[in-house]
Amino acid sequence: AMYYAKNIIINGLTSQFDIYQNNTKLAQIKLSIPGKHNIYNALAVFAALKEANVNMDSVYKHFETFSGMGRRFQKVCEFNGIKVYDDYAHHPSEIKTTLISLKNSLNPQERAVAVFQPHRYTRLKGLWEEFKKAFEYTDKLFITDIYSAGEDKIEGITSENFSKDLKNTDNTYISGTIEDCAKKIYPLLKKNDIVITLGAGTITKLGKLLEKESEKVH
């Protein structure tokens, strides 16, 4: 490759690395968003701007201040030593990449907790086996009811059945509306949990609902 990253250091949800063009070091970049995939993204942006003859001296600082796109590992709230992030990932490969990023960013005392809302009956049916392999990087997984996106139900394709079939992951099926889920999940969370909500449906509301549950208690 003409452009490549070396000396990568991942520290929690941040990273630092050197960018080389051929064998020449051009810059040291810092990112405030997690995951090796975002290092690839930053490298592509850097290369595109450099090839377009942009003055890179005016660009470097913006890599570190970029806070990411909405619903892509977006921090939602923090309460009682618990941090909640939200991600639009609803395909197995997206989910796995996001969870790897989360797991690699954890301190020893932190727990990776994912809340997954399957999106569409047809997607869960068609990618059932792929979804089963997507959650191995979680310490605890909660699975909510399927967000139908207007689809009709498919016999046997339920979150409860998926939960039962997911043998190698500590998971719990949580039924009901997102509001119901927040009430059921909140008591099961612990200090130092890093929670990430996954899906393209109403799951995006869960973080704020969990925060409201914490306010009721305290």
Protein backbone atom coordinates (compact mmCIF):
# COMPACT_ATOMS: atom_id res chain seq x y z
CA ALA A 1 0.00 0.00 0.00
CA MET A 2 1.14 3.54 -0.69
CA TYR A 3 -0.33 4.81 2.60
CA TYR A 4 -0.30 2.73 5.77
CA ALA A 5 -0.49 3.03 9.56
CA LYS A 6 2.27 1.88 11.92
CA ASN A 7 2.96 2.00 15.65
CA ILE A 8 -0.71 1.69 16.52
CA ILE A 9 -1.55 2.25 20.18
CA ILE A 10 -5.12 1.63 21.32
CA ASN A 11 -5.94 3.15 24.71
CA GLY A 12 -9.51 2.66 25.82
CA LEU A 13 -11.80 4.38 23.33
CA THR A 14 -8.93 6.35 21.74
CA SER A 15 -6.05 5.45 19.46
CA GLN A 16 -2.78 6.87 18.18
CA PHE A 17 -0.78 5.83 15.12
CA ASP A 18 1.78 7.02 12.57
CA ILE A 19 0.90 7.43 8.90
CA TYR A 20 3.50 6.56 6.31
CA GLN A 21 3.56 7.20 2.58
CA ASN A 22 5.79 4.56 1.05
CA ASN A 23 8.65 4.55 3.59
CA THR A 24 8.29 8.13 4.80
CA LYS A 25 6.52 9.05 8.02
CA LEU A 26 4.09 11.89 7.34
CA ALA A 27 2.23 12.38 10.60
CA GLN A 28 1.15 11.06 13.96
CA ILE A 29 -2.63 10.93 14.24
CA LYS A 30 -4.83 10.67 17.33
CA LEU A 31 -8.47 9.55 17.27
CA SER A 32 -11.13 9.97 19.94
CA ILE A 33 -13.35 7.21 18.50
CA PRO A 34 -12.71 3.50 19.04
CA GLY A 35 -11.91 0.60 16.79
CA LYS A 36 -9.33 -0.49 14.26
CA HIS A 37 -11.92 0.09 11.52
CA ASN A 38 -11.83 3.81 12.35
CA ILE A 39 -8.05 3.79 11.94
CA TYR A 40 -8.65 2.45 8.43
CA ASN A 41 -11.25 5.17 7.87
CA ALA A 42 -8.90 7.90 9.06
CA LEU A 43 -6.10 6.53 6.87
CA ALA A 44 -8.39 6.65 3.83
CA VAL A 45 -9.43 10.23 4.61
CA PHE A 46 -5.81 11.27 5.08
CA ALA A 47 -4.75 9.65 1.79
CA ALA A 48 -7.62 11.24 -0.15
CA LEU A 49 -6.84 14.73 1.17
CA LYS A 50 -3.12 14.32 0.56
CA GLU A 51 -3.71 13.16 -3.00
CA ALA A 52 -6.00 16.17 -3.51
CA ASN A 53 -3.09 18.44 -2.47
CA VAL A 54 -4.86 19.77 0.61
CA ASN A 55 -2.59 21.56 3.09
CA MET A 56 -2.37 18.81 5.69
CA ASP A 57 -1.05 21.10 8.42
CA SER A 58 -4.57 22.51 8.75
CA VAL A 59 -6.12 19.04 8.93
CA TYR A 60 -4.26 17.04 11.59
CA LYS A 61 -5.99 18.49 14.64
CA HIS A 62 -9.45 17.65 13.31
CA PHE A 63 -8.84 13.90 13.46
CA GLU A 64 -8.61 14.04 17.25
CA THR A 65 -11.65 16.31 17.69
CA PHE A 66 -13.91 14.25 15.39
CA SER A 67 -16.46 12.62 17.70
CA GLY A 68 -17.94 10.18 15.19
CA MET A 69 -21.23 9.92 13.35
CA GLY A 70 -24.62 9.72 15.02
CA ARG A 71 -25.56 6.18 16.08
CA ARG A 72 -22.05 4.90 15.44
CA PHE A 73 -20.67 4.07 18.88
CA GLN A 74 -22.32 7.28 20.06
CA LYS A 75 -22.21 7.95 23.77
CA VAL A 76 -25.76 8.43 25.06
CA CYS A 77 -25.40 8.83 28.81
CA GLU A 78 -23.56 7.92 31.98
CA PHE A 79 -25.01 7.16 35.41
CA ASN A 80 -23.98 5.28 38.55
CA GLY A 81 -20.64 4.31 37.02
CA ILE A 82 -22.38 2.87 33.95
CA LYS A 83 -21.75 4.22 30.43
CA VAL A 84 -24.23 3.68 27.61
CA TYR A 85 -23.41 3.86 23.90
CA ASP A 86 -25.69 3.41 20.89
CA ASP A 87 -24.85 1.89 17.51
CA TYR A 88 -26.92 1.39 14.36
CA ALA A 89 -25.28 -2.00 13.67
CA HIS A 90 -27.95 -4.51 12.67
CA HIS A 91 -26.00 -6.88 10.40
CA PRO A 92 -23.78 -9.62 11.91
CA SER A 93 -20.50 -8.30 10.51
CA GLU A 94 -21.27 -4.76 11.70
CA ILE A 95 -22.21 -6.02 15.14
CA LYS A 96 -19.06 -8.12 15.48
CA THR A 97 -16.81 -5.22 14.43
CA THR A 98 -18.50 -2.89 16.92
CA LEU A 99 -18.23 -5.40 19.77
CA ILE A 100 -14.56 -6.10 19.04
CA SER A 101 -13.94 -2.35 19.28
CA LEU A 102 -15.78 -2.24 22.59
CA LYS A 103 -14.01 -5.27 24.04
CA ASN A 104 -10.57 -3.96 23.06
CA SER A 105 -11.27 -0.65 24.80
CA LEU A 106 -12.25 -2.06 28.21
CA ASN A 107 -10.33 -1.77 31.44
CA PRO A 108 -10.00 -5.02 33.45
CA GLN A 109 -12.81 -4.03 35.84
CA GLU A 110 -15.26 -3.14 33.07
CA ARG A 111 -17.91 -5.45 31.58
CA ALA A 112 -19.07 -5.38 27.95
CA VAL A 113 -22.87 -5.46 27.96
CA ALA A 114 -24.75 -5.52 24.65
CA VAL A 115 -28.48 -5.06 24.11
CA PHE A 116 -29.51 -6.35 20.69
CA GLN A 117 -32.81 -5.65 18.97
CA PRO A 118 -33.08 -7.85 15.85
CA HIS A 119 -34.24 -5.81 12.85
CA ARG A 120 -36.76 -7.57 10.58
CA TYR A 121 -37.90 -11.18 10.75
CA THR A 122 -36.45 -11.93 7.31
CA ARG A 123 -32.98 -10.70 8.29
CA LEU A 124 -32.87 -12.77 11.47
CA LYS A 125 -34.12 -15.83 9.58
CA GLY A 126 -31.72 -15.42 6.67
CA LEU A 127 -28.64 -14.69 8.80
CA TRP A 128 -29.49 -16.80 11.85
CA GLU A 129 -26.19 -18.69 11.94
CA GLU A 130 -24.15 -15.54 11.23
CA PHE A 131 -25.89 -13.71 14.08
CA LYS A 132 -25.02 -16.59 16.43
CA LYS A 133 -21.32 -15.88 15.80
CA ALA A 134 -21.57 -12.10 16.22
CA PHE A 135 -21.74 -11.80 19.99
CA GLU A 136 -18.71 -13.70 21.26
CA TYR A 137 -17.03 -10.46 22.38
CA THR A 138 -19.68 -9.63 24.98
CA ASP A 139 -19.64 -10.46 28.67
CA LYS A 140 -23.41 -10.17 28.85
CA LEU A 141 -26.04 -9.95 26.10
CA PHE A 142 -29.68 -8.93 26.35
CA ILE A 143 -31.94 -9.70 23.38
CA THR A 144 -35.17 -7.75 22.92
CA ASP A 145 -38.13 -8.60 20.72
CA ILE A 146 -37.72 -8.21 16.96
CA TYR A 147 -38.32 -4.80 15.41
CA SER A 148 -40.51 -5.79 12.48
CA ALA A 149 -40.04 -2.69 10.28
CA GLY A 150 -43.49 -3.46 8.90
CA GLU A 151 -42.87 -7.13 8.15
CA ASP A 152 -45.26 -9.94 9.04
CA LYS A 153 -44.14 -12.45 11.65
CA ILE A 154 -42.43 -15.65 10.53
CA GLU A 155 -43.30 -18.79 12.46
CA GLY A 156 -40.46 -19.88 14.73
CA ILE A 157 -38.37 -16.77 14.11
CA THR A 158 -38.45 -15.09 17.49
CA SER A 159 -35.92 -13.44 19.78
CA GLU A 160 -36.75 -15.99 22.45
CA ASN A 161 -35.87 -18.89 20.15
CA PHE A 162 -32.70 -17.13 19.04
CA SER A 163 -31.71 -16.61 22.68
CA LYS A 164 -32.18 -20.33 23.39
CA ASP A 165 -30.10 -21.26 20.32
CA LEU A 166 -27.23 -18.97 21.34
CA LYS A 167 -25.38 -21.54 23.42
CA ASN A 168 -21.93 -19.99 23.89
CA THR A 169 -22.93 -16.50 24.99
CA ASP A 170 -24.27 -15.40 28.37
CA ASN A 171 -27.57 -13.99 27.15
CA THR A 172 -31.04 -13.15 28.44
CA TYR A 173 -34.20 -12.65 26.40
CA ILE A 174 -36.13 -9.53 27.48
CA SER A 175 -39.74 -9.23 26.26
CA GLY A 176 -42.01 -6.24 25.81
CA THR A 177 -41.71 -2.68 24.61
CA ILE A 178 -38.47 -0.73 24.85
CA GLU A 179 -39.88 0.93 27.96
CA ASP A 180 -40.52 -2.51 29.46
CA CYS A 181 -36.99 -3.59 28.53
CA ALA A 182 -35.44 -0.59 30.28
CA LYS A 183 -37.30 -1.44 33.49
CA LYS A 184 -36.20 -5.08 33.32
CA ILE A 185 -32.58 -4.47 32.30
CA TYR A 186 -31.72 -1.61 34.65
CA PRO A 187 -31.67 -3.71 37.87
CA LEU A 188 -29.32 -6.18 36.16
CA LEU A 189 -26.63 -3.59 35.39
CA LYS A 190 -23.58 -3.07 37.56
CA LYS A 191 -21.06 -0.32 38.20
CA ASN A 192 -18.33 -0.33 35.51
CA ASP A 193 -20.67 -1.79 32.89
CA ILE A 194 -20.13 -0.43 29.39
CA VAL A 195 -23.49 -0.89 27.68
CA ILE A 196 -23.97 -0.71 23.92
CA THR A 197 -27.39 -0.86 22.25
CA LEU A 198 -27.41 -2.45 18.80
CA GLY A 199 -30.04 -2.23 16.08
CA ALA A 200 -31.81 -0.02 13.57
CA GLY A 201 -35.14 0.27 15.38
CA THR A 202 -36.48 1.64 18.65
CA ILE A 203 -33.47 0.30 20.57
CA THR A 204 -31.89 3.73 20.13
CA LYS A 205 -34.24 5.01 22.87
CA LEU A 206 -33.05 2.52 25.46
CA GLY A 207 -30.07 4.47 26.82
CA LYS A 208 -32.13 7.48 27.87
CA LEU A 209 -34.81 5.19 29.30
CA LEU A 210 -32.18 3.42 31.42
CA GLU A 211 -31.00 6.80 32.63
CA LYS A 212 -34.57 7.67 33.65
CA GLU A 213 -34.78 4.40 35.57
CA SER A 214 -31.63 5.37 37.47
CA GLU A 215 -33.17 8.72 38.38
CA LYS A 216 -36.19 6.96 39.90
CA VAL A 217 -33.95 5.00 42.23
CA HIS A 218 -31.67 7.84 43.30
